[in-house]
N, C-alpha and C. Protein backbone atom coordinates (compact mmCIF):
# COMPACT_ATOMS: atom_id res chain seq x y z
N MET A 1 -4.70 41.72 -15.10
CA MET A 1 -5.90 42.07 -14.41
C MET A 1 -6.97 40.99 -14.61
N PHE A 2 -7.09 40.49 -15.86
CA PHE A 2 -8.08 39.45 -16.13
C PHE A 2 -7.74 38.16 -15.38
N GLU A 3 -6.44 37.91 -15.24
CA GLU A 3 -6.02 36.71 -14.49
C GLU A 3 -6.47 36.80 -13.04
N GLN A 4 -6.35 37.98 -12.45
CA GLN A 4 -6.76 38.19 -11.06
C GLN A 4 -8.26 38.00 -10.91
N ILE A 5 -9.03 38.52 -11.85
CA ILE A 5 -10.49 38.37 -11.81
C ILE A 5 -10.86 36.90 -11.96
N ASP A 6 -10.19 36.22 -12.90
CA ASP A 6 -10.45 34.79 -13.11
C ASP A 6 -10.13 33.99 -11.85
N LYS A 7 -9.03 34.32 -11.21
CA LYS A 7 -8.64 33.62 -9.98
C LYS A 7 -9.68 33.85 -8.89
N GLN A 8 -10.12 35.08 -8.72
CA GLN A 8 -11.12 35.39 -7.70
C GLN A 8 -12.44 34.70 -7.99
N GLN A 9 -12.82 34.62 -9.27
CA GLN A 9 -14.06 33.94 -9.65
C GLN A 9 -13.97 32.45 -9.30
N LYS A 10 -12.82 31.85 -9.56
CA LYS A 10 -12.63 30.43 -9.24
C LYS A 10 -12.69 30.19 -7.73
N LEU A 11 -12.09 31.09 -6.96
CA LEU A 11 -12.15 30.96 -5.51
C LEU A 11 -13.58 31.12 -5.00
N LEU A 12 -14.32 32.05 -5.57
CA LEU A 12 -15.71 32.25 -5.18
C LEU A 12 -16.54 31.01 -5.52
N ASP A 13 -16.33 30.44 -6.70
CA ASP A 13 -17.03 29.21 -7.09
C ASP A 13 -16.68 28.06 -6.15
N LEU A 14 -15.41 27.97 -5.79
CA LEU A 14 -14.99 26.92 -4.86
C LEU A 14 -15.67 27.09 -3.51
N LYS A 15 -15.72 28.33 -3.03
CA LYS A 15 -16.36 28.60 -1.74
C LYS A 15 -17.83 28.21 -1.78
N LYS A 16 -18.53 28.56 -2.85
CA LYS A 16 -19.95 28.20 -2.99
C LYS A 16 -20.13 26.68 -3.01
N ASN A 17 -19.28 26.00 -3.75
CA ASN A 17 -19.38 24.53 -3.83
C ASN A 17 -19.10 23.88 -2.48
N LEU A 18 -18.13 24.41 -1.75
CA LEU A 18 -17.82 23.88 -0.42
C LEU A 18 -19.01 24.07 0.52
N GLU A 19 -19.57 25.26 0.50
CA GLU A 19 -20.71 25.54 1.36
C GLU A 19 -21.91 24.67 0.99
N ALA A 20 -22.14 24.49 -0.30
CA ALA A 20 -23.28 23.69 -0.76
C ALA A 20 -23.14 22.22 -0.36
N SER A 21 -21.92 21.74 -0.32
CA SER A 21 -21.70 20.33 0.03
C SER A 21 -21.45 20.12 1.52
N GLY A 22 -21.39 21.21 2.27
CA GLY A 22 -21.14 21.09 3.71
C GLY A 22 -19.70 20.71 4.02
N THR A 23 -18.80 21.02 3.12
CA THR A 23 -17.39 20.69 3.28
C THR A 23 -16.65 21.90 3.82
N THR A 24 -15.78 21.65 4.79
CA THR A 24 -14.99 22.73 5.37
C THR A 24 -13.57 22.70 4.80
N LEU A 25 -12.83 23.75 5.05
CA LEU A 25 -11.43 23.77 4.65
C LEU A 25 -10.64 22.69 5.39
N ASP A 26 -11.03 22.41 6.62
CA ASP A 26 -10.38 21.33 7.37
C ASP A 26 -10.61 19.98 6.69
N ASP A 27 -11.82 19.78 6.16
CA ASP A 27 -12.11 18.55 5.42
C ASP A 27 -11.19 18.42 4.21
N LEU A 28 -10.99 19.53 3.51
CA LEU A 28 -10.09 19.52 2.35
C LEU A 28 -8.66 19.22 2.77
N LYS A 29 -8.25 19.77 3.90
CA LYS A 29 -6.89 19.53 4.40
C LYS A 29 -6.70 18.06 4.73
N VAL A 30 -7.69 17.44 5.36
CA VAL A 30 -7.62 16.01 5.68
C VAL A 30 -7.51 15.19 4.40
N LEU A 31 -8.31 15.55 3.40
CA LEU A 31 -8.26 14.85 2.12
C LEU A 31 -6.89 15.01 1.47
N GLU A 32 -6.38 16.23 1.48
CA GLU A 32 -5.05 16.48 0.91
C GLU A 32 -3.99 15.66 1.63
N ASP A 33 -4.03 15.65 2.96
CA ASP A 33 -3.06 14.88 3.74
C ASP A 33 -3.15 13.39 3.44
N THR A 34 -4.38 12.90 3.27
CA THR A 34 -4.58 11.48 2.96
C THR A 34 -3.98 11.15 1.60
N ILE A 35 -4.28 11.99 0.62
CA ILE A 35 -3.76 11.75 -0.73
C ILE A 35 -2.24 11.84 -0.75
N LEU A 36 -1.70 12.87 -0.12
CA LEU A 36 -0.25 13.02 -0.09
C LEU A 36 0.40 11.91 0.72
N GLY A 37 -0.28 11.45 1.76
CA GLY A 37 0.26 10.35 2.56
C GLY A 37 0.35 9.07 1.75
N LYS A 38 -0.67 8.79 0.95
CA LYS A 38 -0.64 7.60 0.10
C LYS A 38 0.47 7.73 -0.94
N ALA A 39 0.62 8.91 -1.50
CA ALA A 39 1.67 9.12 -2.49
C ALA A 39 3.04 8.95 -1.85
N SER A 40 3.20 9.46 -0.64
CA SER A 40 4.47 9.33 0.07
C SER A 40 4.78 7.87 0.37
N SER A 41 3.76 7.12 0.82
CA SER A 41 3.96 5.70 1.10
C SER A 41 4.34 4.95 -0.17
N ALA A 42 3.66 5.26 -1.25
CA ALA A 42 3.96 4.59 -2.52
C ALA A 42 5.37 4.92 -2.99
N LYS A 43 5.78 6.17 -2.81
CA LYS A 43 7.13 6.57 -3.21
C LYS A 43 8.18 5.85 -2.37
N THR A 44 7.95 5.76 -1.07
CA THR A 44 8.88 5.05 -0.19
C THR A 44 9.02 3.60 -0.60
N LEU A 45 7.89 2.95 -0.86
CA LEU A 45 7.93 1.55 -1.27
C LEU A 45 8.61 1.40 -2.63
N ALA A 46 8.33 2.30 -3.55
CA ALA A 46 8.95 2.22 -4.87
C ALA A 46 10.46 2.38 -4.76
N THR A 47 10.91 3.28 -3.90
CA THR A 47 12.34 3.47 -3.70
C THR A 47 12.98 2.22 -3.12
N ALA A 48 12.31 1.62 -2.15
CA ALA A 48 12.83 0.38 -1.55
C ALA A 48 12.92 -0.73 -2.59
N TYR A 49 11.91 -0.84 -3.43
CA TYR A 49 11.94 -1.88 -4.46
C TYR A 49 12.99 -1.61 -5.53
N GLU A 50 13.20 -0.35 -5.83
CA GLU A 50 14.25 -0.02 -6.79
C GLU A 50 15.61 -0.43 -6.23
N GLU A 51 15.83 -0.14 -4.95
CA GLU A 51 17.09 -0.53 -4.32
C GLU A 51 17.26 -2.04 -4.31
N GLN A 52 16.18 -2.77 -4.02
CA GLN A 52 16.25 -4.23 -4.04
C GLN A 52 16.53 -4.74 -5.44
N ALA A 53 15.91 -4.12 -6.44
CA ALA A 53 16.13 -4.55 -7.82
C ALA A 53 17.58 -4.35 -8.22
N VAL A 54 18.17 -3.23 -7.81
CA VAL A 54 19.58 -2.97 -8.11
C VAL A 54 20.46 -4.03 -7.45
N GLN A 55 20.15 -4.38 -6.20
CA GLN A 55 20.92 -5.41 -5.50
C GLN A 55 20.78 -6.76 -6.19
N ILE A 56 19.56 -7.10 -6.59
CA ILE A 56 19.34 -8.37 -7.27
C ILE A 56 20.10 -8.39 -8.59
N TYR A 57 20.02 -7.30 -9.33
CA TYR A 57 20.72 -7.22 -10.60
C TYR A 57 22.22 -7.37 -10.39
N ALA A 58 22.75 -6.68 -9.38
CA ALA A 58 24.18 -6.76 -9.10
C ALA A 58 24.58 -8.18 -8.73
N SER A 59 23.78 -8.83 -7.90
CA SER A 59 24.12 -10.21 -7.51
C SER A 59 23.97 -11.14 -8.69
N ASP A 60 23.03 -10.86 -9.58
CA ASP A 60 22.84 -11.69 -10.77
C ASP A 60 24.02 -11.54 -11.72
N GLN A 61 24.61 -10.36 -11.75
CA GLN A 61 25.76 -10.14 -12.62
C GLN A 61 27.00 -10.87 -12.11
N SER A 62 27.11 -11.01 -10.80
CA SER A 62 28.29 -11.65 -10.22
C SER A 62 28.13 -13.16 -10.14
N GLU A 63 26.92 -13.64 -10.04
CA GLU A 63 26.68 -15.08 -9.98
C GLU A 63 25.29 -15.38 -10.50
N HIS A 64 25.17 -16.48 -11.19
CA HIS A 64 23.87 -16.86 -11.72
C HIS A 64 23.06 -17.53 -10.63
N MET A 65 21.81 -17.13 -10.53
CA MET A 65 20.93 -17.70 -9.51
C MET A 65 20.20 -18.90 -10.09
N THR A 66 20.07 -19.92 -9.28
CA THR A 66 19.26 -21.06 -9.68
C THR A 66 17.79 -20.73 -9.43
N GLN A 67 16.90 -21.55 -9.95
CA GLN A 67 15.48 -21.33 -9.70
C GLN A 67 15.19 -21.41 -8.20
N ALA A 68 15.85 -22.34 -7.53
CA ALA A 68 15.66 -22.47 -6.07
C ALA A 68 16.12 -21.19 -5.36
N ASP A 69 17.23 -20.60 -5.83
CA ASP A 69 17.70 -19.33 -5.24
C ASP A 69 16.67 -18.22 -5.45
N MET A 70 16.14 -18.15 -6.65
CA MET A 70 15.13 -17.12 -6.94
C MET A 70 13.87 -17.35 -6.10
N ASN A 71 13.48 -18.60 -5.93
CA ASN A 71 12.31 -18.91 -5.09
C ASN A 71 12.54 -18.46 -3.66
N ARG A 72 13.74 -18.76 -3.13
CA ARG A 72 14.06 -18.35 -1.76
C ARG A 72 14.09 -16.82 -1.63
N HIS A 73 14.65 -16.18 -2.63
CA HIS A 73 14.71 -14.71 -2.60
C HIS A 73 13.30 -14.12 -2.61
N ALA A 74 12.42 -14.64 -3.45
CA ALA A 74 11.04 -14.15 -3.52
C ALA A 74 10.32 -14.38 -2.20
N ALA A 75 10.54 -15.54 -1.60
CA ALA A 75 9.90 -15.84 -0.30
C ALA A 75 10.41 -14.88 0.77
N ALA A 76 11.71 -14.63 0.79
CA ALA A 76 12.28 -13.72 1.78
C ALA A 76 11.75 -12.30 1.59
N SER A 77 11.61 -11.90 0.35
CA SER A 77 11.09 -10.57 0.05
C SER A 77 9.64 -10.44 0.52
N PHE A 78 8.84 -11.48 0.28
CA PHE A 78 7.46 -11.47 0.78
C PHE A 78 7.45 -11.40 2.31
N HIS A 79 8.30 -12.18 2.97
CA HIS A 79 8.30 -12.20 4.43
C HIS A 79 8.68 -10.83 5.01
N ARG A 80 9.56 -10.11 4.33
CA ARG A 80 9.89 -8.75 4.79
C ARG A 80 8.66 -7.84 4.70
N ALA A 81 7.94 -7.94 3.59
CA ALA A 81 6.72 -7.13 3.44
C ALA A 81 5.68 -7.55 4.47
N GLU A 82 5.57 -8.85 4.71
CA GLU A 82 4.60 -9.36 5.69
C GLU A 82 4.93 -8.86 7.10
N GLU A 83 6.21 -8.85 7.46
CA GLU A 83 6.61 -8.34 8.78
C GLU A 83 6.22 -6.87 8.92
N ARG A 84 6.41 -6.12 7.86
CA ARG A 84 6.05 -4.70 7.88
C ARG A 84 4.54 -4.54 8.05
N LEU A 85 3.77 -5.37 7.34
CA LEU A 85 2.31 -5.31 7.45
C LEU A 85 1.85 -5.69 8.85
N VAL A 86 2.42 -6.74 9.42
CA VAL A 86 2.03 -7.18 10.76
C VAL A 86 2.26 -6.06 11.77
N ALA A 87 3.40 -5.40 11.69
CA ALA A 87 3.69 -4.29 12.61
C ALA A 87 2.69 -3.15 12.40
N LEU A 88 2.38 -2.86 11.17
CA LEU A 88 1.42 -1.80 10.85
C LEU A 88 0.03 -2.14 11.39
N VAL A 89 -0.39 -3.37 11.22
CA VAL A 89 -1.71 -3.81 11.71
C VAL A 89 -1.75 -3.73 13.24
N GLU A 90 -0.67 -4.12 13.90
CA GLU A 90 -0.62 -4.02 15.37
C GLU A 90 -0.77 -2.57 15.81
N ASP A 91 -0.08 -1.65 15.13
CA ASP A 91 -0.19 -0.23 15.45
C ASP A 91 -1.61 0.28 15.22
N LEU A 92 -2.22 -0.15 14.13
CA LEU A 92 -3.60 0.26 13.84
C LEU A 92 -4.55 -0.22 14.92
N ARG A 93 -4.39 -1.45 15.35
CA ARG A 93 -5.27 -2.00 16.39
C ARG A 93 -5.22 -1.15 17.65
N GLU A 94 -4.05 -0.65 17.97
CA GLU A 94 -3.90 0.19 19.17
C GLU A 94 -4.60 1.53 19.02
N GLU A 95 -4.69 2.03 17.81
CA GLU A 95 -5.26 3.36 17.57
C GLU A 95 -6.77 3.34 17.35
N LEU A 96 -7.32 2.21 16.90
CA LEU A 96 -8.74 2.14 16.56
C LEU A 96 -9.61 2.00 17.81
N SER A 97 -10.79 2.59 17.76
CA SER A 97 -11.77 2.38 18.83
C SER A 97 -12.24 0.93 18.76
N ALA A 98 -12.88 0.46 19.83
CA ALA A 98 -13.31 -0.95 19.89
C ALA A 98 -14.22 -1.31 18.73
N GLY A 99 -15.18 -0.46 18.42
CA GLY A 99 -16.11 -0.74 17.33
C GLY A 99 -15.42 -0.78 15.98
N ARG A 100 -14.56 0.17 15.74
CA ARG A 100 -13.83 0.19 14.47
C ARG A 100 -12.82 -0.95 14.41
N ARG A 101 -12.26 -1.32 15.55
CA ARG A 101 -11.30 -2.43 15.58
C ARG A 101 -11.97 -3.72 15.15
N ASP A 102 -13.19 -3.97 15.64
CA ASP A 102 -13.92 -5.17 15.25
C ASP A 102 -14.18 -5.18 13.74
N ALA A 103 -14.60 -4.05 13.21
CA ALA A 103 -14.85 -3.95 11.77
C ALA A 103 -13.56 -4.15 10.98
N PHE A 104 -12.47 -3.57 11.50
CA PHE A 104 -11.17 -3.74 10.83
C PHE A 104 -10.75 -5.21 10.84
N GLU A 105 -10.90 -5.87 11.99
CA GLU A 105 -10.50 -7.28 12.08
C GLU A 105 -11.26 -8.13 11.06
N LYS A 106 -12.55 -7.87 10.95
CA LYS A 106 -13.36 -8.63 9.99
C LYS A 106 -12.86 -8.38 8.56
N SER A 107 -12.64 -7.13 8.23
CA SER A 107 -12.19 -6.81 6.87
C SER A 107 -10.77 -7.33 6.62
N HIS A 108 -9.92 -7.27 7.64
CA HIS A 108 -8.54 -7.73 7.47
C HIS A 108 -8.49 -9.24 7.28
N GLN A 109 -9.31 -9.97 8.02
CA GLN A 109 -9.36 -11.43 7.83
C GLN A 109 -9.83 -11.76 6.41
N ALA A 110 -10.82 -11.04 5.93
CA ALA A 110 -11.29 -11.26 4.55
C ALA A 110 -10.19 -10.91 3.55
N TRP A 111 -9.44 -9.85 3.84
CA TRP A 111 -8.34 -9.46 2.96
C TRP A 111 -7.27 -10.55 2.94
N LEU A 112 -6.93 -11.11 4.10
CA LEU A 112 -5.93 -12.19 4.15
C LEU A 112 -6.36 -13.38 3.30
N GLN A 113 -7.64 -13.71 3.36
CA GLN A 113 -8.15 -14.81 2.53
C GLN A 113 -8.06 -14.45 1.05
N TYR A 114 -8.40 -13.22 0.72
CA TYR A 114 -8.29 -12.76 -0.66
C TYR A 114 -6.85 -12.84 -1.14
N ARG A 115 -5.92 -12.38 -0.30
CA ARG A 115 -4.50 -12.38 -0.69
C ARG A 115 -4.05 -13.78 -1.07
N GLU A 116 -4.38 -14.74 -0.22
CA GLU A 116 -3.95 -16.12 -0.49
C GLU A 116 -4.64 -16.67 -1.73
N ALA A 117 -5.93 -16.43 -1.86
CA ALA A 117 -6.67 -16.93 -3.03
C ALA A 117 -6.12 -16.31 -4.32
N SER A 118 -5.81 -15.03 -4.28
CA SER A 118 -5.26 -14.36 -5.45
C SER A 118 -3.90 -14.94 -5.83
N ALA A 119 -3.04 -15.15 -4.84
CA ALA A 119 -1.72 -15.73 -5.11
C ALA A 119 -1.85 -17.15 -5.64
N GLU A 120 -2.77 -17.91 -5.07
CA GLU A 120 -3.00 -19.28 -5.56
C GLU A 120 -3.43 -19.26 -7.02
N PHE A 121 -4.35 -18.35 -7.34
CA PHE A 121 -4.82 -18.26 -8.71
C PHE A 121 -3.69 -17.88 -9.66
N GLN A 122 -2.93 -16.85 -9.29
CA GLN A 122 -1.86 -16.38 -10.17
C GLN A 122 -0.80 -17.44 -10.40
N SER A 123 -0.50 -18.22 -9.38
CA SER A 123 0.55 -19.23 -9.52
C SER A 123 0.04 -20.56 -10.06
N SER A 124 -1.28 -20.74 -10.10
CA SER A 124 -1.84 -22.02 -10.54
C SER A 124 -1.48 -22.34 -11.99
N GLN A 125 -1.23 -21.33 -12.76
CA GLN A 125 -0.84 -21.53 -14.16
C GLN A 125 0.47 -22.32 -14.25
N TYR A 126 1.28 -22.26 -13.20
CA TYR A 126 2.59 -22.92 -13.20
C TYR A 126 2.60 -24.14 -12.29
N HIS A 127 1.43 -24.68 -12.01
CA HIS A 127 1.29 -25.83 -11.10
C HIS A 127 2.27 -26.94 -11.47
N GLY A 128 3.04 -27.35 -10.49
CA GLY A 128 4.00 -28.42 -10.70
C GLY A 128 5.34 -27.96 -11.25
N GLY A 129 5.42 -26.72 -11.66
CA GLY A 129 6.68 -26.20 -12.20
C GLY A 129 7.56 -25.61 -11.11
N SER A 130 8.84 -25.54 -11.38
CA SER A 130 9.77 -25.03 -10.38
C SER A 130 9.61 -23.53 -10.13
N ILE A 131 8.97 -22.83 -11.05
CA ILE A 131 8.77 -21.39 -10.88
C ILE A 131 7.53 -21.05 -10.06
N GLN A 132 6.66 -22.03 -9.81
CA GLN A 132 5.41 -21.75 -9.11
C GLN A 132 5.64 -21.07 -7.75
N PRO A 133 6.60 -21.53 -6.92
CA PRO A 133 6.80 -20.85 -5.63
C PRO A 133 7.20 -19.38 -5.80
N LEU A 134 7.98 -19.07 -6.82
CA LEU A 134 8.38 -17.69 -7.06
C LEU A 134 7.16 -16.84 -7.42
N ILE A 135 6.32 -17.34 -8.30
CA ILE A 135 5.13 -16.60 -8.71
C ILE A 135 4.19 -16.41 -7.51
N HIS A 136 4.03 -17.45 -6.72
CA HIS A 136 3.15 -17.39 -5.54
C HIS A 136 3.66 -16.34 -4.55
N ALA A 137 4.95 -16.40 -4.23
CA ALA A 137 5.53 -15.46 -3.27
C ALA A 137 5.48 -14.03 -3.81
N SER A 138 5.74 -13.86 -5.08
CA SER A 138 5.71 -12.52 -5.68
C SER A 138 4.29 -11.94 -5.66
N ALA A 139 3.31 -12.79 -5.91
CA ALA A 139 1.91 -12.34 -5.86
C ALA A 139 1.53 -11.95 -4.43
N LEU A 140 1.94 -12.76 -3.46
CA LEU A 140 1.67 -12.43 -2.06
C LEU A 140 2.31 -11.09 -1.69
N GLU A 141 3.54 -10.91 -2.12
CA GLU A 141 4.26 -9.68 -1.81
C GLU A 141 3.58 -8.47 -2.44
N SER A 142 3.19 -8.59 -3.68
CA SER A 142 2.55 -7.47 -4.38
C SER A 142 1.27 -7.02 -3.69
N VAL A 143 0.42 -7.97 -3.33
CA VAL A 143 -0.84 -7.64 -2.67
C VAL A 143 -0.57 -7.08 -1.27
N THR A 144 0.43 -7.61 -0.60
CA THR A 144 0.79 -7.14 0.74
C THR A 144 1.27 -5.69 0.68
N ILE A 145 2.07 -5.37 -0.30
CA ILE A 145 2.55 -3.99 -0.45
C ILE A 145 1.38 -3.05 -0.72
N SER A 146 0.44 -3.48 -1.53
CA SER A 146 -0.74 -2.66 -1.78
C SER A 146 -1.51 -2.39 -0.48
N ARG A 147 -1.59 -3.40 0.36
CA ARG A 147 -2.29 -3.24 1.65
C ARG A 147 -1.54 -2.26 2.55
N ILE A 148 -0.23 -2.34 2.54
CA ILE A 148 0.58 -1.41 3.34
C ILE A 148 0.33 0.02 2.87
N VAL A 149 0.35 0.22 1.56
CA VAL A 149 0.11 1.56 1.00
C VAL A 149 -1.28 2.06 1.37
N GLU A 150 -2.23 1.16 1.46
CA GLU A 150 -3.60 1.51 1.84
C GLU A 150 -3.70 1.88 3.32
N LEU A 151 -3.00 1.14 4.19
CA LEU A 151 -3.18 1.30 5.63
C LEU A 151 -2.29 2.37 6.26
N GLU A 152 -1.12 2.64 5.70
CA GLU A 152 -0.22 3.62 6.32
C GLU A 152 -0.86 5.00 6.47
N PRO A 153 -1.53 5.54 5.45
CA PRO A 153 -2.17 6.85 5.64
C PRO A 153 -3.27 6.82 6.71
N LEU A 154 -3.98 5.70 6.81
CA LEU A 154 -5.01 5.57 7.84
C LEU A 154 -4.39 5.68 9.23
N LEU A 155 -3.27 5.01 9.44
CA LEU A 155 -2.59 5.08 10.73
C LEU A 155 -2.13 6.51 11.01
N ARG A 156 -1.54 7.16 10.01
CA ARG A 156 -1.10 8.55 10.21
C ARG A 156 -2.28 9.44 10.57
N GLU A 157 -3.40 9.24 9.89
CA GLU A 157 -4.59 10.04 10.17
C GLU A 157 -5.09 9.80 11.59
N LEU A 158 -5.12 8.55 12.02
CA LEU A 158 -5.57 8.22 13.38
C LEU A 158 -4.66 8.84 14.43
N ARG A 159 -3.40 8.91 14.14
CA ARG A 159 -2.44 9.46 15.11
C ARG A 159 -2.52 10.98 15.21
N THR A 160 -3.11 11.62 14.20
CA THR A 160 -3.22 13.08 14.26
C THR A 160 -4.54 13.53 14.86
N ILE A 161 -5.45 12.60 15.07
CA ILE A 161 -6.77 12.95 15.63
C ILE A 161 -6.66 13.13 17.12
């Protein structure tokens, strides 16, 4: 009985807080969908990376990779992520209103500059070394994946409006 009273009190408090902040149940649903969408995107990417890691490990067990092989593999992995991002950005452009599209383009161009600067910084420690291309490509890929995880829920939200 006390549990039921406690539950009802919490629901009443929640209702008061929602009303005080001008938040509707629909607003909460959108927030929940956004959070779950980001989690789903992150899980999908994590699964894909786990599968790639297993493949890399298996290939490493059957043959030793040279540094050049690892550099090529890292570059190819980044290019796959980049292709996915490009397709996602194209889809977003189609869904955004003209005003939001302009703001998105400005922010995306700044993000592209950030991505490159960040990768340059991370790989600069290995300047002149044979591992530098691998570090650079891996940094580009990591930031690109983060951007994908950020933008996928936005696209889903735009498509449901």
